[in-house]
PDB file of all heavy atoms in Angstrom:
ATOM      1  N   VAL A   1      99.434  97.873 102.112  1.00  0.00           N
ATOM      2  CA  VAL A   1      98.510  98.814 102.727  1.00  0.00           C
ATOM      3  C   VAL A   1      98.297  99.992 101.784  1.00  0.00           C
ATOM      4  O   VAL A   1      99.195 100.327 100.990  1.00  0.00           O
ATOM      5  CB  VAL A   1      99.054  99.287 104.093  1.00  0.00           C
ATOM      6  CG1 VAL A   1     100.346 100.069 103.934  1.00  0.00           C
ATOM      7  CG2 VAL A   1      98.014 100.072 104.871  1.00  0.00           C
ATOM      8  N   GLN A   2      97.141 100.600 101.865  1.00  0.00           N
ATOM      9  CA  GLN A   2      96.870 101.775 101.038  1.00  0.00           C
ATOM     10  C   GLN A   2      97.480 103.028 101.648  1.00  0.00           C
ATOM     11  O   GLN A   2      97.762 103.092 102.851  1.00  0.00           O
ATOM     12  CB  GLN A   2      95.363 101.956 100.880  1.00  0.00           C
ATOM     13  CG  GLN A   2      94.712 100.910  99.988  1.00  0.00           C
ATOM     14  CD  GLN A   2      93.258 101.217  99.713  1.00  0.00           C
ATOM     15  OE1 GLN A   2      92.511 101.636 100.590  1.00  0.00           O
ATOM     16  NE2 GLN A   2      92.823 100.991  98.473  1.00  0.00           N
ATOM     17  N   VAL A   3      97.660 104.027 100.817  1.00  0.00           N
ATOM     18  CA  VAL A   3      98.188 105.312 101.284  1.00  0.00           C
ATOM     19  C   VAL A   3      97.326 105.830 102.439  1.00  0.00           C
ATOM     20  O   VAL A   3      96.097 105.790 102.373  1.00  0.00           O
ATOM     21  CB  VAL A   3      98.203 106.342 100.134  1.00  0.00           C
ATOM     22  CG1 VAL A   3      98.509 107.728 100.659  1.00  0.00           C
ATOM     23  CG2 VAL A   3      99.222 105.947  99.074  1.00  0.00           C
ATOM     24  N   GLY A   4      98.015 106.295 103.471  1.00  0.00           N
ATOM     25  CA  GLY A   4      97.322 106.789 104.657  1.00  0.00           C
ATOM     26  C   GLY A   4      97.035 105.735 105.701  1.00  0.00           C
ATOM     27  O   GLY A   4      96.589 106.068 106.808  1.00  0.00           O
ATOM     28  N   GLY A   5      97.282 104.486 105.361  1.00  0.00           N
ATOM     29  CA  GLY A   5      97.010 103.394 106.290  1.00  0.00           C
ATOM     30  C   GLY A   5      98.114 103.199 107.310  1.00  0.00           C
ATOM     31  O   GLY A   5      99.078 103.973 107.373  1.00  0.00           O
ATOM     32  N   SER A   6      97.954 102.157 108.116  1.00  0.00           N
ATOM     33  CA  SER A   6      98.894 101.870 109.199  1.00  0.00           C
ATOM     34  C   SER A   6      99.310 100.408 109.186  1.00  0.00           C
ATOM     35  O   SER A   6      98.553  99.539 108.742  1.00  0.00           O
ATOM     36  CB  SER A   6      98.244 102.178 110.553  1.00  0.00           C
ATOM     37  OG  SER A   6      97.907 103.542 110.663  1.00  0.00           O
ATOM     38  N   LEU A   7     100.517 100.179 109.689  1.00  0.00           N
ATOM     39  CA  LEU A   7     101.025  98.827 109.910  1.00  0.00           C
ATOM     40  C   LEU A   7     101.859  98.844 111.183  1.00  0.00           C
ATOM     41  O   LEU A   7     102.463  99.875 111.527  1.00  0.00           O
ATOM     42  CB  LEU A   7     101.905  98.345 108.756  1.00  0.00           C
ATOM     43  CG  LEU A   7     101.252  97.818 107.487  1.00  0.00           C
ATOM     44  CD1 LEU A   7     102.310  97.499 106.448  1.00  0.00           C
ATOM     45  CD2 LEU A   7     100.399  96.586 107.771  1.00  0.00           C
ATOM     46  N   ARG A   8     101.935  97.697 111.843  1.00  0.00           N
ATOM     47  CA  ARG A   8     102.789  97.557 113.008  1.00  0.00           C
ATOM     48  C   ARG A   8     103.750  96.400 112.781  1.00  0.00           C
ATOM     49  O   ARG A   8     103.318  95.253 112.623  1.00  0.00           O
ATOM     50  CB  ARG A   8     101.972  97.293 114.266  1.00  0.00           C
ATOM     51  CG  ARG A   8     102.798  97.322 115.555  1.00  0.00           C
ATOM     52  CD  ARG A   8     102.014  96.711 116.691  1.00  0.00           C
ATOM     53  NE  ARG A   8     102.560  97.037 117.995  1.00  0.00           N
ATOM     54  CZ  ARG A   8     102.312  96.341 119.099  1.00  0.00           C
ATOM     55  NH1 ARG A   8     101.524  95.280 119.035  1.00  0.00           N
ATOM     56  NH2 ARG A   8     102.825  96.705 120.246  1.00  0.00           N
ATOM     57  N   LEU A   9     105.025  96.721 112.734  1.00  0.00           N
ATOM     58  CA  LEU A   9     106.046  95.697 112.583  1.00  0.00           C
ATOM     59  C   LEU A   9     106.528  95.237 113.951  1.00  0.00           C
ATOM     60  O   LEU A   9     106.586  96.034 114.891  1.00  0.00           O
ATOM     61  CB  LEU A   9     107.236  96.231 111.784  1.00  0.00           C
ATOM     62  CG  LEU A   9     106.928  96.832 110.418  1.00  0.00           C
ATOM     63  CD1 LEU A   9     108.231  97.253 109.732  1.00  0.00           C
ATOM     64  CD2 LEU A   9     106.144  95.879 109.553  1.00  0.00           C
ATOM     65  N   SER A  10     106.880  93.969 114.030  1.00  0.00           N
ATOM     66  CA  SER A  10     107.443  93.406 115.254  1.00  0.00           C
ATOM     67  C   SER A  10     108.786  92.771 114.947  1.00  0.00           C
ATOM     68  O   SER A  10     109.011  92.273 113.842  1.00  0.00           O
ATOM     69  CB  SER A  10     106.512  92.337 115.841  1.00  0.00           C
ATOM     70  OG  SER A  10     105.276  92.892 116.206  1.00  0.00           O
ATOM     71  N   CYS A  11     109.660  92.787 115.927  1.00  0.00           N
ATOM     72  CA  CYS A  11     110.974  92.154 115.805  1.00  0.00           C
ATOM     73  C   CYS A  11     111.200  91.348 117.082  1.00  0.00           C
ATOM     74  O   CYS A  11     111.412  91.926 118.157  1.00  0.00           O
ATOM     75  CB  CYS A  11     112.058  93.197 115.630  1.00  0.00           C
ATOM     76  SG  CYS A  11     113.741  92.537 115.696  1.00  0.00           S
ATOM     77  N   ALA A  12     111.152  90.037 116.950  1.00  0.00           N
ATOM     78  CA  ALA A  12     111.349  89.154 118.097  1.00  0.00           C
ATOM     79  C   ALA A  12     112.813  88.740 118.181  1.00  0.00           C
ATOM     80  O   ALA A  12     113.409  88.318 117.177  1.00  0.00           O
ATOM     81  CB  ALA A  12     110.468  87.925 117.963  1.00  0.00           C
ATOM     82  N   ALA A  13     113.389  88.855 119.371  1.00  0.00           N
ATOM     83  CA  ALA A  13     114.801  88.533 119.575  1.00  0.00           C
ATOM     84  C   ALA A  13     114.950  87.299 120.450  1.00  0.00           C
ATOM     85  O   ALA A  13     114.182  87.086 121.389  1.00  0.00           O
ATOM     86  CB  ALA A  13     115.510  89.708 120.234  1.00  0.00           C
ATOM     87  N   SER A  14     115.957  86.499 120.111  1.00  0.00           N
ATOM     88  CA  SER A  14     116.270  85.332 120.932  1.00  0.00           C
ATOM     89  C   SER A  14     117.209  85.736 122.052  1.00  0.00           C
ATOM     90  O   SER A  14     117.785  86.830 122.045  1.00  0.00           O
ATOM     91  CB  SER A  14     116.929  84.258 120.071  1.00  0.00           C
ATOM     92  OG  SER A  14     118.179  84.739 119.598  1.00  0.00           O
ATOM     93  N   GLY A  15     117.392  84.859 123.020  1.00  0.00           N
ATOM     94  CA  GLY A  15     118.363  85.109 124.063  1.00  0.00           C
ATOM     95  C   GLY A  15     117.795  85.796 125.285  1.00  0.00           C
ATOM     96  O   GLY A  15     116.686  86.317 125.269  1.00  0.00           O
ATOM     97  N   ARG A  16     118.597  85.826 126.349  1.00  0.00           N
ATOM     98  CA  ARG A  16     118.151  86.381 127.618  1.00  0.00           C
ATOM     99  C   ARG A  16     118.773  87.729 127.916  1.00  0.00           C
ATOM    100  O   ARG A  16     118.620  88.242 129.014  1.00  0.00           O
ATOM    101  CB  ARG A  16     118.502  85.399 128.738  1.00  0.00           C
ATOM    102  CG  ARG A  16     117.724  84.099 128.658  1.00  0.00           C
ATOM    103  CD  ARG A  16     118.134  83.139 129.748  1.00  0.00           C
ATOM    104  NE  ARG A  16     119.452  82.582 129.493  1.00  0.00           N
ATOM    105  CZ  ARG A  16     120.037  81.697 130.286  1.00  0.00           C
ATOM    106  NH1 ARG A  16     119.448  81.308 131.387  1.00  0.00           N
ATOM    107  NH2 ARG A  16     121.233  81.219 129.979  1.00  0.00           N
ATOM    108  N   THR A  17     119.466  88.322 126.937  1.00  0.00           N
ATOM    109  CA  THR A  17     120.134  89.599 127.174  1.00  0.00           C
ATOM    110  C   THR A  17     119.569  90.698 126.296  1.00  0.00           C
ATOM    111  O   THR A  17     120.249  91.671 125.998  1.00  0.00           O
ATOM    112  CB  THR A  17     121.634  89.454 126.916  1.00  0.00           C
ATOM    113  OG1 THR A  17     121.845  89.034 125.560  1.00  0.00           O
ATOM    114  CG2 THR A  17     122.263  88.470 127.881  1.00  0.00           C
ATOM    115  N   PHE A  18     118.321  90.573 125.895  1.00  0.00           N
ATOM    116  CA  PHE A  18     117.707  91.542 124.979  1.00  0.00           C
ATOM    117  C   PHE A  18     117.818  92.958 125.507  1.00  0.00           C
ATOM    118  O   PHE A  18     118.074  93.892 124.752  1.00  0.00           O
ATOM    119  CB  PHE A  18     116.244  91.167 124.769  1.00  0.00           C
ATOM    120  CG  PHE A  18     115.481  92.128 123.906  1.00  0.00           C
ATOM    121  CD1 PHE A  18     115.733  92.201 122.542  1.00  0.00           C
ATOM    122  CD2 PHE A  18     114.507  92.960 124.439  1.00  0.00           C
ATOM    123  CE1 PHE A  18     115.027  93.077 121.722  1.00  0.00           C
ATOM    124  CE2 PHE A  18     113.794  93.836 123.642  1.00  0.00           C
ATOM    125  CZ  PHE A  18     114.055  93.897 122.281  1.00  0.00           C
ATOM    126  N   SER A  19     117.643  93.142 126.788  1.00  0.00           N
ATOM    127  CA  SER A  19     117.648  94.487 127.371  1.00  0.00           C
ATOM    128  C   SER A  19     119.023  95.154 127.316  1.00  0.00           C
ATOM    129  O   SER A  19     119.137  96.336 127.621  1.00  0.00           O
ATOM    130  CB  SER A  19     117.156  94.427 128.818  1.00  0.00           C
ATOM    131  OG  SER A  19     118.033  93.630 129.595  1.00  0.00           O
ATOM    132  N   MET A  20     120.043  94.409 126.941  1.00  0.00           N
ATOM    133  CA  MET A  20     121.382  94.983 126.837  1.00  0.00           C
ATOM    134  C   MET A  20     121.663  95.536 125.441  1.00  0.00           C
ATOM    135  O   MET A  20     122.740  96.090 125.196  1.00  0.00           O
ATOM    136  CB  MET A  20     122.418  93.918 127.188  1.00  0.00           C
ATOM    137  CG  MET A  20     122.271  93.400 128.611  1.00  0.00           C
ATOM    138  SD  MET A  20     123.436  92.102 129.029  1.00  0.00           S
ATOM    139  CE  MET A  20     124.935  93.054 129.138  1.00  0.00           C
ATOM    140  N   TYR A  21     120.714  95.388 124.513  1.00  0.00           N
ATOM    141  CA  TYR A  21     120.905  95.808 123.137  1.00  0.00           C
ATOM    142  C   TYR A  21     120.098  97.054 122.802  1.00  0.00           C
ATOM    143  O   TYR A  21     118.917  97.153 123.125  1.00  0.00           O
ATOM    144  CB  TYR A  21     120.489  94.696 122.171  1.00  0.00           C
ATOM    145  CG  TYR A  21     121.416  93.510 122.176  1.00  0.00           C
ATOM    146  CD1 TYR A  21     121.255  92.478 123.093  1.00  0.00           C
ATOM    147  CD2 TYR A  21     122.455  93.427 121.264  1.00  0.00           C
ATOM    148  CE1 TYR A  21     122.115  91.386 123.109  1.00  0.00           C
ATOM    149  CE2 TYR A  21     123.317  92.340 121.259  1.00  0.00           C
ATOM    150  CZ  TYR A  21     123.140  91.330 122.189  1.00  0.00           C
ATOM    151  OH  TYR A  21     123.997  90.265 122.190  1.00  0.00           O
ATOM    152  N   THR A  22     120.769  97.980 122.145  1.00  0.00           N
ATOM    153  CA  THR A  22     120.057  99.069 121.473  1.00  0.00           C
ATOM    154  C   THR A  22     119.459  98.490 120.199  1.00  0.00           C
ATOM    155  O   THR A  22     120.128  97.757 119.466  1.00  0.00           O
ATOM    156  CB  THR A  22     121.024 100.209 121.131  1.00  0.00           C
ATOM    157  OG1 THR A  22     121.567 100.732 122.356  1.00  0.00           O
ATOM    158  CG2 THR A  22     120.313 101.312 120.376  1.00  0.00           C
ATOM    159  N   MET A  23     118.206  98.825 119.953  1.00  0.00           N
ATOM    160  CA  MET A  23     117.485  98.264 118.809  1.00  0.00           C
ATOM    161  C   MET A  23     117.108  99.348 117.808  1.00  0.00           C
ATOM    162  O   MET A  23     116.830 100.489 118.196  1.00  0.00           O
ATOM    163  CB  MET A  23     116.218  97.564 119.292  1.00  0.00           C
ATOM    164  CG  MET A  23     116.447  96.449 120.293  1.00  0.00           C
ATOM    165  SD  MET A  23     117.428  95.102 119.627  1.00  0.00           S
ATOM    166  CE  MET A  23     116.357  94.530 118.311  1.00  0.00           C
ATOM    167  N   ALA A  24     117.105  98.980 116.535  1.00  0.00           N
ATOM    168  CA  ALA A  24     116.792  99.957 115.495  1.00  0.00           C
ATOM    169  C   ALA A  24     116.034  99.296 114.348  1.00  0.00           C
ATOM    170  O   ALA A  24     116.037  98.074 114.203  1.00  0.00           O
ATOM    171  CB  ALA A  24     118.071 100.592 114.974  1.00  0.00           C
ATOM    172  N   TRP A  25     115.407 100.155 113.553  1.00  0.00           N
ATOM    173  CA  TRP A  25     114.797  99.751 112.297  1.00  0.00           C
ATOM    174  C   TRP A  25     115.477 100.505 111.163  1.00  0.00           C
ATOM    175  O   TRP A  25     115.713 101.720 111.265  1.00  0.00           O
ATOM    176  CB  TRP A  25     113.309 100.049 112.288  1.00  0.00           C
ATOM    177  CG  TRP A  25     112.505  99.161 113.184  1.00  0.00           C
ATOM    178  CD1 TRP A  25     112.140  99.407 114.473  1.00  0.00           C
ATOM    179  CD2 TRP A  25     111.956  97.885 112.850  1.00  0.00           C
ATOM    180  NE1 TRP A  25     111.397  98.367 114.973  1.00  0.00           N
ATOM    181  CE2 TRP A  25     111.275  97.409 113.987  1.00  0.00           C
ATOM    182  CE3 TRP A  25     111.966  97.081 111.711  1.00  0.00           C
ATOM    183  CZ2 TRP A  25     110.617  96.188 114.014  1.00  0.00           C
ATOM    184  CZ3 TRP A  25     111.317  95.862 111.733  1.00  0.00           C
ATOM    185  CH2 TRP A  25     110.646  95.426 112.874  1.00  0.00           C
ATOM    186  N   PHE A  26     115.778  99.781 110.098  1.00  0.00           N
ATOM    187  CA  PHE A  26     116.275 100.340 108.854  1.00  0.00           C
ATOM    188  C   PHE A  26     115.344  99.881 107.735  1.00  0.00           C
ATOM    189  O   PHE A  26     114.558  98.957 107.923  1.00  0.00           O
ATOM    190  CB  PHE A  26     117.698  99.843 108.562  1.00  0.00           C
ATOM    191  CG  PHE A  26     118.762 100.468 109.428  1.00  0.00           C
ATOM    192  CD1 PHE A  26     118.910 100.087 110.755  1.00  0.00           C
ATOM    193  CD2 PHE A  26     119.621 101.425 108.913  1.00  0.00           C
ATOM    194  CE1 PHE A  26     119.892 100.652 111.558  1.00  0.00           C
ATOM    195  CE2 PHE A  26     120.607 102.001 109.707  1.00  0.00           C
ATOM    196  CZ  PHE A  26     120.732 101.603 111.035  1.00  0.00           C
ATOM    197  N   ARG A  27     115.453 100.507 106.592  1.00  0.00           N
ATOM    198  CA  ARG A  27     114.666 100.067 105.436  1.00  0.00           C
ATOM    199  C   ARG A  27     115.484 100.217 104.164  1.00  0.00           C
ATOM    200  O   ARG A  27     116.399 101.035 104.084  1.00  0.00           O
ATOM    201  CB  ARG A  27     113.363 100.852 105.333  1.00  0.00           C
ATOM    202  CG  ARG A  27     113.525 102.329 105.004  1.00  0.00           C
ATOM    203  CD  ARG A  27     112.171 103.025 105.066  1.00  0.00           C
ATOM    204  NE  ARG A  27     112.274 104.441 104.730  1.00  0.00           N
ATOM    205  CZ  ARG A  27     111.261 105.301 104.814  1.00  0.00           C
ATOM    206  NH1 ARG A  27     110.062 104.881 105.244  1.00  0.00           N
ATOM    207  NH2 ARG A  27     111.432 106.565 104.484  1.00  0.00           N
ATOM    208  N   GLN A  28     115.116  99.403 103.193  1.00  0.00           N
ATOM    209  CA  GLN A  28     115.809  99.428 101.914  1.00  0.00           C
ATOM    210  C   GLN A  28     114.793  99.306 100.790  1.00  0.00           C
ATOM    211  O   GLN A  28     114.152  98.254 100.636  1.00  0.00           O
ATOM    212  CB  GLN A  28     116.845  98.310 101.833  1.00  0.00           C
ATOM    213  CG  GLN A  28     117.733  98.380 100.616  1.00  0.00           C
ATOM    214  CD  GLN A  28     118.933  97.468 100.721  1.00  0.00           C
ATOM    215  OE1 GLN A  28     118.996  96.572 101.577  1.00  0.00           O
ATOM    216  NE2 GLN A  28     119.921  97.694  99.890  1.00  0.00           N
ATOM    217  N   ALA A  29     114.662 100.369 100.023  1.00  0.00           N
ATOM    218  CA  ALA A  29     113.801 100.347  98.853  1.00  0.00           C
ATOM    219  C   ALA A  29     114.569  99.744  97.682  1.00  0.00           C
ATOM    220  O   ALA A  29     115.806  99.735  97.673  1.00  0.00           O
ATOM    221  CB  ALA A  29     113.334 101.751  98.527  1.00  0.00           C
ATOM    222  N   ALA A  30     113.837  99.279  96.703  1.00  0.00           N
ATOM    223  CA  ALA A  30     114.459  98.651  95.546  1.00  0.00           C
ATOM    224  C   ALA A  30     115.437  99.613  94.873  1.00  0.00           C
ATOM    225  O   ALA A  30     115.093 100.756  94.566  1.00  0.00           O
ATOM    226  CB  ALA A  30     113.385  98.212  94.557  1.00  0.00           C
ATOM    227  N   GLY A  31     116.661  99.144  94.676  1.00  0.00           N
ATOM    228  CA  GLY A  31     117.665  99.944  93.990  1.00  0.00           C
ATOM    229  C   GLY A  31     118.293 101.043  94.828  1.00  0.00           C
ATOM    230  O   GLY A  31     119.065 101.856  94.302  1.00  0.00           O
ATOM    231  N   LYS A  32     117.999 101.070  96.116  1.00  0.00           N
ATOM    232  CA  LYS A  32     118.529 102.121  96.968  1.00  0.00           C
ATOM    233  C   LYS A  32     119.334 101.534  98.135  1.00  0.00           C
ATOM    234  O   LYS A  32     119.258 100.343  98.431  1.00  0.00           O
ATOM    235  CB  LYS A  32     117.398 102.996  97.510  1.00  0.00           C
ATOM    236  CG  LYS A  32     116.665 103.777  96.430  1.00  0.00           C
ATOM    237  CD  LYS A  32     115.687 104.754  97.035  1.00  0.00           C
ATOM    238  CE  LYS A  32     115.017 105.603  95.965  1.00  0.00           C
ATOM    239  NZ  LYS A  32     114.071 106.596  96.562  1.00  0.00           N
ATOM    240  N   GLU A  33     120.089 102.401  98.798  1.00  0.00           N
ATOM    241  CA  GLU A  33     120.859 102.000  99.963  1.00  0.00           C
ATOM    242  C   GLU A  33     119.926 101.774 101.157  1.00  0.00           C
ATOM    243  O   GLU A  33     118.850 102.369 101.251  1.00  0.00           O
ATOM    244  CB  GLU A  33     121.873 103.088 100.319  1.00  0.00           C
ATOM    245  CG  GLU A  33     122.941 103.340  99.276  1.00  0.00           C
ATOM    246  CD  GLU A  33     123.959 102.206  99.259  1.00  0.00           C
ATOM    247  OE1 GLU A  33     124.327 101.727 100.341  1.00  0.00           O
ATOM    248  OE2 GLU A  33     124.360 101.809  98.149  1.00  0.00           O
ATOM    249  N   ARG A  34     120.374 100.922 102.065  1.00  0.00           N
ATOM    250  CA  ARG A  34     119.634 100.725 103.302  1.00  0.00           C
ATOM    251  C   ARG A  34     119.758 101.993 104.153  1.00  0.00           C
ATOM    252  O   ARG A  34     120.866 102.501 104.367  1.00  0.00           O
ATOM    253  CB  ARG A  34     120.173  99.517 104.060  1.00  0.00           C
ATOM    254  CG  ARG A  34     119.289  99.051 105.194  1.00  0.00           C
ATOM    255  CD  ARG A  34     119.755  97.727 105.758  1.00  0.00           C
ATOM    256  NE  ARG A  34     119.768  96.669 104.754  1.00  0.00           N
ATOM    257  CZ  ARG A  34     120.016  95.398 105.012  1.00  0.00           C
ATOM    258  NH1 ARG A  34     120.258  95.013 106.260  1.00  0.00           N
ATOM    259  NH2 ARG A  34     120.005  94.514 104.044  1.00  0.00           N
ATOM    260  N   GLU A  35     118.625 102.478 104.657  1.00  0.00           N
ATOM    261  CA  GLU A  35     118.638 103.727 105.392  1.00  0.00           C
ATOM    262  C   GLU A  35     118.036 103.580 106.785  1.00  0.00           C
ATOM    263  O   GLU A  35     117.166 102.743 107.020  1.00  0.00           O
ATOM    264  CB  GLU A  35     117.863 104.814 104.623  1.00  0.00           C
ATOM    265  CG  GLU A  35     116.392 104.547 104.463  1.00  0.00           C
ATOM    266  CD  GLU A  35     115.656 105.705 103.793  1.00  0.00           C
ATOM    267  OE1 GLU A  35     116.291 106.683 103.379  1.00  0.00           O
ATOM    268  OE2 GLU A  35     114.409 105.627 103.714  1.00  0.00           O
ATOM    269  N   PHE A  36     118.506 104.426 107.678  1.00  0.00           N
ATOM    270  CA  PHE A  36     118.044 104.451 109.052  1.00  0.00           C
ATOM    271  C   PHE A  36     116.603 104.938 109.122  1.00  0.00           C
ATOM    272  O   PHE A  36     116.213 105.875 108.411  1.00  0.00           O
ATOM    273  CB  PHE A  36     118.951 105.373 109.868  1.00  0.00           C
ATOM    274  CG  PHE A  36     118.415 105.741 111.217  1.00  0.00           C
ATOM    275  CD1 PHE A  36     118.461 104.841 112.262  1.00  0.00           C
ATOM    276  CD2 PHE A  36     117.867 106.987 111.437  1.00  0.00           C
ATOM    277  CE1 PHE A  36     117.973 105.179 113.514  1.00  0.00           C
ATOM    278  CE2 PHE A  36     117.371 107.342 112.682  1.00  0.00           C
ATOM    279  CZ  PHE A  36     117.428 106.443 113.715  1.00  0.00           C
ATOM    280  N   VAL A  37     115.819 104.315 110.015  1.00  0.00           N
ATOM    281  CA  VAL A  37     114.438 104.729 110.237  1.00  0.00           C
ATOM    282  C   VAL A  37     114.255 105.214 111.679  1.00  0.00           C
ATOM    283  O   VAL A  37     113.794 106.326 111.922  1.00  0.00           O
ATOM    284  CB  VAL A  37     113.462 103.571 109.950  1.00  0.00           C
ATOM    285  CG1 VAL A  37     112.035 103.969 110.321  1.00  0.00           C
ATOM    286  CG2 VAL A  37     113.537 103.153 108.486  1.00  0.00           C
ATOM    287  N   ALA A  38     114.605 104.350 112.654  1.00  0.00           N
ATOM    288  CA  ALA A  38     114.374 104.695 114.066  1.00  0.00           C
ATOM    289  C   ALA A  38     115.256 103.837 114.947  1.00  0.00           C
ATOM    290  O   ALA A  38     115.650 102.735 114.569  1.00  0.00           O
ATOM    291  CB  ALA A  38     112.908 104.494 114.425  1.00  0.00           C
ATOM    292  N   VAL A  39     115.533 104.363 116.145  1.00  0.00           N
ATOM    293  CA  VAL A  39     116.356 103.636 117.112  1.00  0.00           C
ATOM    294  C   VAL A  39     115.781 103.865 118.509  1.00  0.00           C
ATOM    295  O   VAL A  39     115.210 104.925 118.788  1.00  0.00           O
ATOM    296  CB  VAL A  39     117.832 104.087 117.036  1.00  0.00           C
ATOM    297  CG1 VAL A  39     117.969 105.573 117.298  1.00  0.00           C
ATOM    298  CG2 VAL A  39     118.710 103.286 118.008  1.00  0.00           C
ATOM    299  N   ILE A  40     115.944 102.869 119.377  1.00  0.00           N
ATOM    300  CA  ILE A  40     115.459 102.970 120.746  1.00  0.00           C
ATOM    301  C   ILE A  40     116.533 102.455 121.698  1.00  0.00           C
ATOM    302  O   ILE A  40     117.211 101.459 121.418  1.00  0.00           O
ATOM    303  CB  ILE A  40     114.133 102.212 120.919  1.00  0.00           C
ATOM    304  CG1 ILE A  40     113.514 102.483 122.292  1.00  0.00           C
ATOM    305  CG2 ILE A  40     114.308 100.709 120.675  1.00  0.00           C
ATOM    306  CD1 ILE A  40     112.048 102.052 122.391  1.00  0.00           C
ATOM    307  N   SER A  41     116.673 103.136 122.816  1.00  0.00           N
ATOM    308  CA  SER A  41     117.687 102.766 123.799  1.00  0.00           C
ATOM    309  C   SER A  41     117.335 101.461 124.504  1.00  0.00           C
ATOM    310  O   SER A  41     116.225 100.948 124.371  1.00  0.00           O
ATOM    311  CB  SER A  41     117.832 103.880 124.836  1.00  0.00           C
ATOM    312  OG  SER A  41     116.615 104.052 125.543  1.00  0.00           O
ATOM    313  N   ARG A  42     118.277 100.957 125.274  1.00  0.00           N
ATOM    314  CA  ARG A  42     118.098  99.677 125.947  1.00  0.00           C
ATOM    315  C   ARG A  42     116.898  99.678 126.890  1.00  0.00           C
ATOM    316  O   ARG A  42     116.164  98.690 126.963  1.00  0.00           O
ATOM    317  CB  ARG A  42     119.370  99.308 126.711  1.00  0.00           C
ATOM    318  CG  ARG A  42     120.530  98.939 125.816  1.00  0.00           C
ATOM    319  CD  ARG A  42     121.818  98.820 126.578  1.00  0.00           C
ATOM    320  NE  ARG A  42     122.280 100.122 127.037  1.00  0.00           N
ATOM    321  CZ  ARG A  42     123.353 100.303 127.786  1.00  0.00           C
ATOM    322  NH1 ARG A  42     124.066  99.277 128.181  1.00  0.00           N
ATOM    323  NH2 ARG A  42     123.717 101.509 128.149  1.00  0.00           N
ATOM    324  N   SER A  43     116.685 100.778 127.566  1.00  0.00           N
ATOM    325  CA  SER A  43     115.566 100.859 128.508  1.00  0.00           C
ATOM    326  C   SER A  43     114.262 101.248 127.839  1.00  0.00           C
ATOM    327  O   SER A  43     113.186 101.099 128.421  1.00  0.00           O
ATOM    328  CB  SER A  43     115.883 101.881 129.598  1.00  0.00           C
ATOM    329  OG  SER A  43     115.912 103.185 129.044  1.00  0.00           O
ATOM    330  N   GLY A  44     114.376 101.792 126.625  1.00  0.00           N
ATOM    331  CA  GLY A  44     113.205 102.305 125.934  1.00  0.00           C
ATOM    332  C   GLY A  44     112.929 103.763 126.230  1.00  0.00           C
ATOM    333  O   GLY A  44     111.992 104.342 125.696  1.00  0.00           O
TER     334      GLY A  44
END
């Protein structure tokens, strides 16, 4: 995407207990440590 643009990432989970998990996004740039981006509670 170009600078200033938008993207929507999706994360599909298996199983019937998805609502029992806290979910998060992390990212890792080349040559760098994996870093926290965002987290959401079980209920949202």
